[in-house]
Amino acid sequence: MKTYNLTELANITDSGEYVLGRADLNTLACYLVYGRLKPGETNRSIKPGAGHEEILCLVKGTAEAVAADGIIKLSTGEALHLRGEEELFLQNTGTEEVIYILAGGHSPDSGHHH
C-alpha cells in the first residue's frame, strides 16, 4: 500500500490535473484524476472515452458543467456520472479554486481491454 500526495502531484503539471492510474498503480482496473481549476478557468474537457465510465465529484468550490443538453451547476460534494463518449466542459465561474476528483474504470459490458 502506498500514499500519493495528489495536491503536490497536480501542482507540478501544466494542466492542474494528475492521473493516478496505470503507471502508479500497475493496474488497468481503475484510475483517479485529481484536478484543480483556478477562478475564471473554463473549458476543462471531461470525457471518459470508449469503454470507460467516470464519476466527477466536486471536492471544493462551485462550478458549471457545460454539456450538449445544457448547463449543470455543481457545488462541493455533488457528483455526476459520465459514460463512454459523453463529454462536458468544466468551468470555474466562482472566486475560489475548484478541486474535483474523477473516479474511473472500464464499463462492465464494453468488452474493453487494454
N, C-alpha and C. Protein backbone atom coordinates (compact mmCIF):
# COMPACT_ATOMS: atom_id res chain seq x y z
N MET A 1 0.85 -1.16 0.00
CA MET A 1 0.00 0.00 0.00
C MET A 1 0.90 1.23 0.00
N LYS A 2 0.51 2.23 -0.79
CA LYS A 2 1.32 3.44 -0.92
C LYS A 2 0.41 4.66 -0.86
N THR A 3 0.92 5.75 -0.31
CA THR A 3 0.19 7.01 -0.23
C THR A 3 0.67 7.94 -1.34
N TYR A 4 -0.25 8.66 -1.95
CA TYR A 4 0.07 9.61 -3.03
C TYR A 4 -0.42 10.99 -2.62
N ASN A 5 0.44 12.00 -2.69
CA ASN A 5 0.03 13.37 -2.41
C ASN A 5 -0.44 13.99 -3.72
N LEU A 6 -1.73 13.88 -3.97
CA LEU A 6 -2.29 14.32 -5.25
C LEU A 6 -2.21 15.83 -5.43
N THR A 7 -2.30 16.58 -4.34
CA THR A 7 -2.17 18.04 -4.44
C THR A 7 -0.80 18.41 -5.00
N GLU A 8 0.24 17.84 -4.43
CA GLU A 8 1.60 18.12 -4.91
C GLU A 8 1.80 17.64 -6.34
N LEU A 9 1.30 16.47 -6.65
CA LEU A 9 1.47 15.92 -8.00
C LEU A 9 0.75 16.79 -9.04
N ALA A 10 -0.44 17.28 -8.71
CA ALA A 10 -1.17 18.16 -9.64
C ALA A 10 -0.48 19.50 -9.79
N ASN A 11 0.17 19.97 -8.72
CA ASN A 11 0.86 21.27 -8.77
C ASN A 11 2.02 21.29 -9.75
N ILE A 12 2.61 20.15 -10.03
CA ILE A 12 3.76 20.14 -10.93
C ILE A 12 3.38 19.89 -12.39
N THR A 13 2.09 19.82 -12.68
CA THR A 13 1.64 19.66 -14.06
C THR A 13 1.15 20.99 -14.61
N ASP A 14 1.26 21.17 -15.91
CA ASP A 14 0.75 22.39 -16.55
C ASP A 14 -0.77 22.44 -16.54
N SER A 15 -1.40 21.29 -16.57
CA SER A 15 -2.86 21.22 -16.67
C SER A 15 -3.58 21.39 -15.34
N GLY A 16 -2.87 21.21 -14.22
CA GLY A 16 -3.54 21.24 -12.93
C GLY A 16 -4.24 19.95 -12.60
N GLU A 17 -3.96 18.90 -13.39
CA GLU A 17 -4.55 17.58 -13.17
C GLU A 17 -3.44 16.55 -12.98
N TYR A 18 -3.74 15.54 -12.17
CA TYR A 18 -2.84 14.39 -12.08
C TYR A 18 -3.68 13.14 -12.20
N VAL A 19 -3.25 12.24 -13.07
CA VAL A 19 -3.94 10.97 -13.27
C VAL A 19 -3.20 9.89 -12.48
N LEU A 20 -3.85 9.38 -11.46
CA LEU A 20 -3.32 8.27 -10.69
C LEU A 20 -3.86 7.01 -11.36
N GLY A 21 -3.03 6.35 -12.12
CA GLY A 21 -3.52 5.24 -12.91
C GLY A 21 -2.48 4.17 -13.14
N ARG A 22 -2.45 3.67 -14.34
CA ARG A 22 -1.63 2.51 -14.71
C ARG A 22 -0.18 2.63 -14.27
N ALA A 23 0.45 3.77 -14.54
CA ALA A 23 1.87 3.92 -14.23
C ALA A 23 2.13 3.85 -12.73
N ASP A 24 1.25 4.42 -11.92
CA ASP A 24 1.43 4.42 -10.47
C ASP A 24 0.92 3.15 -9.81
N LEU A 25 -0.21 2.65 -10.30
CA LEU A 25 -0.91 1.56 -9.63
C LEU A 25 -0.63 0.18 -10.20
N ASN A 26 -0.05 0.14 -11.40
CA ASN A 26 0.23 -1.12 -12.07
C ASN A 26 -1.03 -1.97 -12.25
N THR A 27 -2.12 -1.29 -12.64
CA THR A 27 -3.38 -1.98 -12.92
C THR A 27 -4.14 -1.20 -13.98
N LEU A 28 -4.97 -1.91 -14.71
CA LEU A 28 -5.85 -1.29 -15.69
C LEU A 28 -7.30 -1.24 -15.20
N ALA A 29 -7.53 -1.72 -14.00
CA ALA A 29 -8.90 -1.84 -13.49
C ALA A 29 -9.54 -0.50 -13.17
N CYS A 30 -8.74 0.47 -12.71
CA CYS A 30 -9.32 1.74 -12.28
C CYS A 30 -8.29 2.86 -12.37
N TYR A 31 -8.79 4.08 -12.25
CA TYR A 31 -7.92 5.26 -12.21
C TYR A 31 -8.64 6.37 -11.48
N LEU A 32 -7.89 7.36 -11.06
CA LEU A 32 -8.45 8.51 -10.37
C LEU A 32 -7.73 9.75 -10.88
N VAL A 33 -8.50 10.80 -11.15
CA VAL A 33 -7.93 12.06 -11.60
C VAL A 33 -8.21 13.10 -10.52
N TYR A 34 -7.16 13.80 -10.11
CA TYR A 34 -7.29 14.92 -9.17
C TYR A 34 -7.06 16.18 -9.97
N GLY A 35 -8.01 17.09 -9.98
CA GLY A 35 -7.89 18.29 -10.80
C GLY A 35 -8.21 19.56 -10.06
N ARG A 36 -7.62 20.65 -10.56
CA ARG A 36 -7.83 21.97 -9.99
C ARG A 36 -8.14 22.96 -11.11
N LEU A 37 -9.08 23.85 -10.84
CA LEU A 37 -9.40 24.94 -11.77
C LEU A 37 -9.28 26.26 -11.02
N LYS A 38 -8.50 27.17 -11.57
CA LYS A 38 -8.36 28.50 -10.97
C LYS A 38 -9.64 29.30 -11.23
N PRO A 39 -9.91 30.32 -10.43
CA PRO A 39 -11.07 31.17 -10.69
C PRO A 39 -11.03 31.71 -12.13
N GLY A 40 -12.17 31.59 -12.82
CA GLY A 40 -12.26 32.06 -14.20
C GLY A 40 -11.79 31.07 -15.24
N GLU A 41 -11.18 29.96 -14.82
CA GLU A 41 -10.70 28.95 -15.78
C GLU A 41 -11.89 28.19 -16.35
N THR A 42 -11.90 27.99 -17.67
CA THR A 42 -13.04 27.36 -18.33
C THR A 42 -12.58 26.28 -19.30
N ASN A 43 -13.56 25.54 -19.79
CA ASN A 43 -13.39 24.57 -20.88
C ASN A 43 -12.47 23.40 -20.57
N ARG A 44 -12.46 22.92 -19.32
CA ARG A 44 -11.72 21.70 -18.98
C ARG A 44 -12.56 20.52 -19.45
N SER A 45 -12.08 19.81 -20.45
CA SER A 45 -12.83 18.69 -21.03
C SER A 45 -12.82 17.50 -20.08
N ILE A 46 -14.00 16.94 -19.86
CA ILE A 46 -14.18 15.72 -19.08
C ILE A 46 -14.89 14.74 -20.01
N LYS A 47 -14.19 13.67 -20.38
CA LYS A 47 -14.74 12.70 -21.33
C LYS A 47 -14.08 11.34 -21.06
N PRO A 48 -14.84 10.37 -20.57
CA PRO A 48 -14.26 9.07 -20.24
C PRO A 48 -13.63 8.36 -21.44
N GLY A 49 -14.28 8.37 -22.58
CA GLY A 49 -13.80 7.65 -23.76
C GLY A 49 -14.45 6.28 -23.87
N ALA A 50 -14.36 5.73 -25.04
CA ALA A 50 -14.99 4.43 -25.33
C ALA A 50 -14.56 3.37 -24.32
N GLY A 51 -15.55 2.65 -23.80
CA GLY A 51 -15.29 1.56 -22.87
C GLY A 51 -15.00 1.98 -21.44
N HIS A 52 -15.16 3.27 -21.14
CA HIS A 52 -14.88 3.77 -19.79
C HIS A 52 -16.09 4.52 -19.22
N GLU A 53 -16.12 4.61 -17.91
CA GLU A 53 -17.09 5.42 -17.19
C GLU A 53 -16.35 6.21 -16.13
N GLU A 54 -16.87 7.40 -15.81
CA GLU A 54 -16.26 8.23 -14.78
C GLU A 54 -17.33 8.86 -13.91
N ILE A 55 -16.98 9.04 -12.65
CA ILE A 55 -17.80 9.81 -11.72
C ILE A 55 -17.00 11.07 -11.41
N LEU A 56 -17.59 12.22 -11.66
CA LEU A 56 -17.00 13.51 -11.33
C LEU A 56 -17.57 13.97 -10.01
N CYS A 57 -16.72 14.27 -9.04
CA CYS A 57 -17.17 14.78 -7.75
C CYS A 57 -16.44 16.08 -7.46
N LEU A 58 -17.19 17.12 -7.18
CA LEU A 58 -16.61 18.40 -6.81
C LEU A 58 -16.24 18.34 -5.33
N VAL A 59 -14.97 18.54 -5.04
CA VAL A 59 -14.46 18.46 -3.67
C VAL A 59 -14.43 19.82 -3.00
N LYS A 60 -14.23 20.87 -3.81
CA LYS A 60 -14.16 22.23 -3.27
C LYS A 60 -14.64 23.22 -4.32
N GLY A 61 -15.43 24.20 -3.89
CA GLY A 61 -15.85 25.28 -4.77
C GLY A 61 -17.18 25.02 -5.46
N THR A 62 -17.47 25.88 -6.44
CA THR A 62 -18.65 25.73 -7.28
C THR A 62 -18.21 25.82 -8.73
N ALA A 63 -18.89 25.07 -9.58
CA ALA A 63 -18.51 25.02 -10.99
C ALA A 63 -19.74 24.79 -11.84
N GLU A 64 -19.58 25.01 -13.13
CA GLU A 64 -20.61 24.68 -14.10
C GLU A 64 -20.06 23.60 -15.02
N ALA A 65 -20.90 22.61 -15.28
CA ALA A 65 -20.58 21.55 -16.23
C ALA A 65 -21.42 21.82 -17.48
N VAL A 66 -20.75 22.19 -18.55
CA VAL A 66 -21.45 22.52 -19.79
C VAL A 66 -21.48 21.26 -20.65
N ALA A 67 -22.70 20.76 -20.89
CA ALA A 67 -22.89 19.54 -21.68
C ALA A 67 -23.74 19.87 -22.90
N ALA A 68 -23.87 18.91 -23.80
CA ALA A 68 -24.64 19.11 -25.03
C ALA A 68 -26.09 19.48 -24.73
N ASP A 69 -26.62 18.96 -23.61
CA ASP A 69 -28.03 19.21 -23.29
C ASP A 69 -28.24 20.31 -22.26
N GLY A 70 -27.21 21.10 -21.96
CA GLY A 70 -27.39 22.22 -21.05
C GLY A 70 -26.26 22.38 -20.05
N ILE A 71 -26.50 23.24 -19.08
CA ILE A 71 -25.51 23.55 -18.05
C ILE A 71 -25.99 22.99 -16.72
N ILE A 72 -25.08 22.31 -16.03
CA ILE A 72 -25.37 21.75 -14.72
C ILE A 72 -24.50 22.50 -13.72
N LYS A 73 -25.11 23.10 -12.71
CA LYS A 73 -24.36 23.79 -11.67
C LYS A 73 -24.01 22.79 -10.58
N LEU A 74 -22.73 22.77 -10.20
CA LEU A 74 -22.25 21.83 -9.19
C LEU A 74 -21.68 22.58 -8.00
N SER A 75 -21.93 22.05 -6.81
CA SER A 75 -21.38 22.59 -5.57
C SER A 75 -20.58 21.50 -4.88
N THR A 76 -19.81 21.89 -3.88
CA THR A 76 -18.99 20.95 -3.11
C THR A 76 -19.82 19.73 -2.69
N GLY A 77 -19.28 18.56 -2.97
CA GLY A 77 -19.93 17.31 -2.57
C GLY A 77 -20.88 16.74 -3.59
N GLU A 78 -21.16 17.46 -4.67
CA GLU A 78 -22.07 16.94 -5.69
C GLU A 78 -21.28 16.18 -6.75
N ALA A 79 -21.94 15.18 -7.34
CA ALA A 79 -21.28 14.32 -8.31
C ALA A 79 -22.20 14.05 -9.50
N LEU A 80 -21.58 13.68 -10.61
CA LEU A 80 -22.34 13.20 -11.77
C LEU A 80 -21.57 12.11 -12.47
N HIS A 81 -22.29 11.33 -13.25
CA HIS A 81 -21.76 10.12 -13.88
C HIS A 81 -21.74 10.29 -15.39
N LEU A 82 -20.61 9.94 -16.02
CA LEU A 82 -20.48 10.00 -17.48
C LEU A 82 -20.09 8.63 -18.01
N ARG A 83 -20.58 8.32 -19.22
CA ARG A 83 -20.26 7.05 -19.88
C ARG A 83 -19.68 7.30 -21.25
N GLY A 84 -18.67 6.52 -21.60
CA GLY A 84 -18.15 6.49 -22.96
C GLY A 84 -17.81 7.84 -23.54
N GLU A 85 -18.48 8.18 -24.64
CA GLU A 85 -18.16 9.40 -25.38
C GLU A 85 -18.91 10.63 -24.87
N GLU A 86 -19.66 10.50 -23.78
CA GLU A 86 -20.29 11.69 -23.19
C GLU A 86 -19.18 12.66 -22.79
N GLU A 87 -19.40 13.95 -23.07
CA GLU A 87 -18.38 14.94 -22.75
C GLU A 87 -19.03 16.17 -22.14
N LEU A 88 -18.32 16.75 -21.21
CA LEU A 88 -18.74 18.03 -20.66
C LEU A 88 -17.49 18.89 -20.50
N PHE A 89 -17.73 20.18 -20.33
CA PHE A 89 -16.64 21.13 -20.13
C PHE A 89 -16.87 21.79 -18.78
N LEU A 90 -15.89 21.64 -17.90
CA LEU A 90 -16.00 22.17 -16.55
C LEU A 90 -15.48 23.59 -16.52
N GLN A 91 -16.22 24.47 -15.83
CA GLN A 91 -15.87 25.88 -15.75
C GLN A 91 -15.92 26.35 -14.31
N ASN A 92 -14.93 27.11 -13.91
CA ASN A 92 -14.93 27.73 -12.60
C ASN A 92 -15.41 29.16 -12.76
N THR A 93 -16.64 29.39 -12.42
CA THR A 93 -17.22 30.73 -12.55
C THR A 93 -17.18 31.48 -11.22
N GLY A 94 -16.59 30.86 -10.20
CA GLY A 94 -16.54 31.48 -8.87
C GLY A 94 -15.24 32.24 -8.64
N THR A 95 -15.06 32.62 -7.38
CA THR A 95 -13.89 33.41 -7.00
C THR A 95 -12.86 32.59 -6.23
N GLU A 96 -13.15 31.32 -5.99
CA GLU A 96 -12.18 30.45 -5.31
C GLU A 96 -11.81 29.26 -6.20
N GLU A 97 -10.70 28.65 -5.88
CA GLU A 97 -10.25 27.48 -6.63
C GLU A 97 -11.29 26.36 -6.55
N VAL A 98 -11.42 25.62 -7.64
CA VAL A 98 -12.26 24.43 -7.69
C VAL A 98 -11.34 23.21 -7.66
N ILE A 99 -11.68 22.24 -6.84
CA ILE A 99 -10.96 20.97 -6.82
C ILE A 99 -11.97 19.87 -7.09
N TYR A 100 -11.61 18.96 -7.98
CA TYR A 100 -12.50 17.85 -8.33
C TYR A 100 -11.73 16.55 -8.42
N ILE A 101 -12.48 15.48 -8.29
CA ILE A 101 -11.96 14.13 -8.43
C ILE A 101 -12.78 13.43 -9.51
N LEU A 102 -12.10 12.71 -10.38
CA LEU A 102 -12.74 11.81 -11.33
C LEU A 102 -12.33 10.40 -10.94
N ALA A 103 -13.29 9.54 -10.69
CA ALA A 103 -13.02 8.13 -10.44
C ALA A 103 -13.50 7.37 -11.66
N GLY A 104 -12.62 6.59 -12.25
CA GLY A 104 -12.98 5.92 -13.49
C GLY A 104 -12.57 4.47 -13.56
N GLY A 105 -13.18 3.81 -14.51
CA GLY A 105 -12.86 2.41 -14.76
C GLY A 105 -13.52 1.96 -16.05
N HIS A 106 -13.40 0.68 -16.32
CA HIS A 106 -13.97 0.11 -17.54
C HIS A 106 -15.46 -0.15 -17.37
N SER A 107 -16.23 0.10 -18.42
CA SER A 107 -17.65 -0.24 -18.43
C SER A 107 -17.78 -1.75 -18.42
N PRO A 108 -18.69 -2.31 -17.61
CA PRO A 108 -18.77 -3.76 -17.49
C PRO A 108 -19.15 -4.49 -18.77
N ASP A 109 -19.95 -3.86 -19.63
CA ASP A 109 -20.41 -4.55 -20.83
C ASP A 109 -19.66 -4.10 -22.09
N SER A 110 -18.58 -3.39 -21.93
CA SER A 110 -17.88 -2.83 -23.10
C SER A 110 -16.97 -3.82 -23.79
N GLY A 111 -16.52 -4.84 -23.06
CA GLY A 111 -15.55 -5.75 -23.64
C GLY A 111 -14.21 -5.07 -23.88
N HIS A 112 -14.05 -3.91 -23.28
CA HIS A 112 -12.85 -3.10 -23.48
C HIS A 112 -11.71 -3.61 -22.63
N HIS A 113 -10.59 -3.84 -23.26
CA HIS A 113 -9.38 -4.28 -22.55
C HIS A 113 -8.19 -3.59 -23.19
N HIS A 114 -7.24 -3.20 -22.38
CA HIS A 114 -6.00 -2.57 -22.90
C HIS A 114 -5.00 -3.64 -23.24
